[in-house]
Amino acid sequence: MSRPLALAALALALVVDRADLLHATAGSPLLKYAGEVTHDVGGPIKAIVAHLEAEARPGERVFITYGDLPLRFYTALEIRGGQGCQSLADWPLPDWVVVRYFFRFRSSGPGAREDAERTLRFLRAEIRPGRYRRVDLPVADTIWETIPEPDRHVFRAPTDRPPVTLYRKVDAR
């Protein structure tokens, strides 16, 4: 092996993002990392939590199609939906509804398909324009906030995703 060839291979591995090459773009993992360290990339959960902290009252009810666990941890609100498979029967209409641009992962767990069908029926029947006001947050809706896998990691805010959308119950305040 020649030393120049080894240095070229090392430089290529460190400087060129091979995932970008698949999309016919050029990028550098080191430059992406530097950009991420110096610029905050806000994700959907962070934006949802910040909005609910500013606008919701303690104890209000939130239904979210995906992302219930972080909301349960970071807020003092009553959270249902997501992948918790909690019944919506006899639950008063939520004060907030968060419908992510993707529904949720297809789970093979017991009762997951039935729960997904119940959730879709609930959304179609209860979340109507006259009952809720739409609020678009200024952040793209991505599946993961930050994830270490290079091909899924969000180094900068994507521009090809819809915004995070919340619905606020009209008579809630």
Protein backbone atom coordinates (compact mmCIF):
# COMPACT_ATOMS: atom_id res chain seq x y z
CA MET A 1 0.00 0.00 0.00
CA SER A 2 1.19 3.45 -0.76
CA ARG A 3 1.05 6.14 1.86
CA PRO A 4 -0.55 8.75 -0.51
CA LEU A 5 -3.29 6.27 -1.43
CA ALA A 6 -3.97 5.56 2.24
CA LEU A 7 -4.12 9.28 3.04
CA ALA A 8 -6.48 9.86 0.09
CA ALA A 9 -8.74 7.04 1.27
CA LEU A 10 -8.76 8.42 4.82
CA ALA A 11 -9.50 11.94 3.60
CA LEU A 12 -12.31 10.60 1.41
CA ALA A 13 -13.81 8.70 4.35
CA LEU A 14 -13.66 11.73 6.65
CA VAL A 15 -14.51 14.53 4.25
CA VAL A 16 -17.14 13.10 1.90
CA ASP A 17 -20.53 12.05 3.19
CA ARG A 18 -21.29 8.89 1.24
CA ALA A 19 -25.01 9.16 2.05
CA ASP A 20 -25.08 12.53 0.26
CA LEU A 21 -23.46 10.97 -2.78
CA LEU A 22 -26.49 8.68 -3.09
CA HIS A 23 -28.64 11.81 -3.45
CA ALA A 24 -26.22 13.42 -5.92
CA THR A 25 -25.20 16.11 -3.43
CA ALA A 26 -21.90 16.80 -1.78
CA GLY A 27 -21.51 17.11 1.95
CA SER A 28 -18.92 16.60 4.63
CA PRO A 29 -19.67 14.86 7.93
CA LEU A 30 -17.14 17.10 9.67
CA LEU A 31 -18.74 20.28 8.30
CA LYS A 32 -22.21 18.99 9.16
CA TYR A 33 -21.08 18.22 12.68
CA ALA A 34 -19.50 21.66 13.06
CA GLY A 35 -22.73 23.25 11.82
CA GLU A 36 -24.79 21.20 14.24
CA VAL A 37 -22.57 22.10 17.19
CA THR A 38 -22.68 25.82 16.41
CA HIS A 39 -26.39 26.06 15.42
CA ASP A 40 -29.31 24.63 17.36
CA VAL A 41 -31.50 22.34 15.28
CA GLY A 42 -34.89 22.42 16.93
CA GLY A 43 -36.96 19.28 16.57
CA PRO A 44 -40.69 18.64 16.73
CA ILE A 45 -40.88 17.41 20.33
CA LYS A 46 -38.87 20.38 21.61
CA ALA A 47 -41.20 22.75 19.73
CA ILE A 48 -44.36 20.99 20.92
CA VAL A 49 -43.21 21.02 24.55
CA ALA A 50 -42.22 24.71 24.36
CA HIS A 51 -45.57 25.66 22.82
CA LEU A 52 -47.56 23.67 25.37
CA GLU A 53 -45.51 25.11 28.24
CA ALA A 54 -46.34 28.62 26.99
CA GLU A 55 -49.99 28.09 26.06
CA ALA A 56 -51.48 25.14 27.96
CA ARG A 57 -52.70 25.13 31.53
CA PRO A 58 -51.63 22.36 33.94
CA GLY A 59 -53.91 19.35 33.73
CA GLU A 60 -55.18 20.05 30.22
CA ARG A 61 -55.64 17.01 28.03
CA VAL A 62 -53.45 16.36 24.97
CA PHE A 63 -53.97 13.72 22.34
CA ILE A 64 -50.93 13.05 20.13
CA THR A 65 -50.64 10.51 17.36
CA TYR A 66 -46.94 9.87 18.01
CA GLY A 67 -44.56 11.21 20.64
CA ASP A 68 -46.60 10.71 23.79
CA LEU A 69 -43.74 9.52 25.99
CA PRO A 70 -41.62 12.70 25.86
CA LEU A 71 -44.74 14.81 26.43
CA ARG A 72 -45.59 12.75 29.51
CA PHE A 73 -42.07 13.32 30.80
CA TYR A 74 -41.66 17.02 29.97
CA THR A 75 -45.15 18.40 30.69
CA ALA A 76 -47.68 18.34 33.51
CA LEU A 77 -50.50 17.60 31.08
CA GLU A 78 -52.72 14.55 30.70
CA ILE A 79 -51.43 12.77 27.60
CA ARG A 80 -53.09 10.05 25.55
CA GLY A 81 -52.41 8.56 22.18
CA GLY A 82 -49.10 7.70 20.65
CA GLN A 83 -48.20 4.14 21.29
CA GLY A 84 -49.69 3.92 24.77
CA CYS A 85 -52.85 2.13 23.54
CA GLN A 86 -54.94 3.85 26.21
CA SER A 87 -58.66 3.85 25.67
CA LEU A 88 -60.29 7.07 24.52
CA ALA A 89 -63.71 5.86 25.65
CA ASP A 90 -65.25 8.18 28.25
CA TRP A 91 -62.26 10.52 27.94
CA PRO A 92 -63.42 14.12 27.49
CA LEU A 93 -62.37 15.78 24.27
CA PRO A 94 -58.75 16.85 24.56
CA ASP A 95 -57.84 20.51 24.82
CA TRP A 96 -54.98 19.92 22.39
CA VAL A 97 -54.53 17.52 19.50
CA VAL A 98 -51.20 16.92 17.80
CA VAL A 99 -51.42 15.04 14.52
CA ARG A 100 -47.97 14.18 13.24
CA TYR A 101 -47.45 14.08 9.46
CA PHE A 102 -46.83 10.34 9.73
CA PHE A 103 -49.32 8.29 11.69
CA ARG A 104 -47.04 5.98 13.64
CA PHE A 105 -44.92 2.95 13.12
CA ARG A 106 -46.68 -0.26 12.26
CA SER A 107 -46.45 -2.21 15.46
CA SER A 108 -46.98 -5.92 15.57
CA GLY A 109 -47.81 -5.85 19.26
CA PRO A 110 -51.10 -7.24 20.53
CA GLY A 111 -53.97 -4.86 19.87
CA ALA A 112 -51.87 -2.33 17.95
CA ARG A 113 -53.87 -2.54 14.71
CA GLU A 114 -57.18 -2.22 16.54
CA ASP A 115 -55.82 0.75 18.49
CA ALA A 116 -54.73 2.43 15.25
CA GLU A 117 -58.21 1.94 13.77
CA ARG A 118 -59.88 3.36 16.92
CA THR A 119 -57.51 6.33 16.82
CA LEU A 120 -58.33 7.10 13.18
CA ARG A 121 -62.07 6.87 13.90
CA PHE A 122 -61.61 9.24 16.84
CA LEU A 123 -59.67 11.76 14.75
CA ARG A 124 -62.21 11.71 11.91
CA ALA A 125 -65.22 12.03 14.23
CA GLU A 126 -64.00 14.53 16.81
CA ILE A 127 -61.33 16.79 15.36
CA ARG A 128 -63.35 19.15 13.20
CA PRO A 129 -62.47 22.71 12.12
CA GLY A 130 -65.28 24.34 14.10
CA ARG A 131 -64.23 22.59 17.27
CA TYR A 132 -60.45 23.11 17.00
CA ARG A 133 -58.21 25.89 15.72
CA ARG A 134 -55.12 24.89 13.76
CA VAL A 135 -51.69 26.06 14.97
CA ASP A 136 -48.64 25.45 12.78
CA LEU A 137 -45.34 25.62 14.64
CA PRO A 138 -42.28 27.03 12.85
CA VAL A 139 -40.43 23.71 12.83
CA ALA A 140 -40.44 20.80 10.40
CA ASP A 141 -42.11 17.61 11.57
CA THR A 142 -39.53 14.84 11.56
CA ILE A 143 -39.92 11.33 12.90
CA TRP A 144 -36.98 11.58 15.28
CA GLU A 145 -35.74 14.57 17.20
CA THR A 146 -32.06 13.67 17.04
CA ILE A 147 -30.87 10.16 16.39
CA PRO A 148 -27.24 9.10 16.13
CA GLU A 149 -27.55 6.92 13.02
CA PRO A 150 -25.80 8.91 10.25
CA ASP A 151 -28.40 8.21 7.57
CA ARG A 152 -31.25 9.37 9.84
CA HIS A 153 -29.53 12.06 11.89
CA VAL A 154 -30.87 15.58 11.43
CA PHE A 155 -27.90 17.93 11.06
CA ARG A 156 -30.02 20.91 10.00
CA ALA A 157 -33.73 21.66 9.82
CA PRO A 158 -35.23 19.89 6.81
CA THR A 159 -37.16 21.94 4.28
CA ASP A 160 -39.05 19.07 2.67
CA ARG A 161 -41.34 18.23 5.61
CA PRO A 162 -44.63 19.79 6.69
CA PRO A 163 -44.66 21.88 9.86
CA VAL A 164 -45.65 20.46 13.22
CA THR A 165 -49.40 20.99 13.52
CA LEU A 166 -51.35 21.29 16.75
CA TYR A 167 -55.05 21.82 17.16
CA ARG A 168 -56.31 23.90 20.10
CA LYS A 169 -59.86 23.34 21.31
CA VAL A 170 -61.78 26.50 20.51
CA ASP A 171 -63.68 26.77 23.78
CA ALA A 172 -60.71 25.72 25.95
CA ARG A 173 -59.70 29.25 26.84
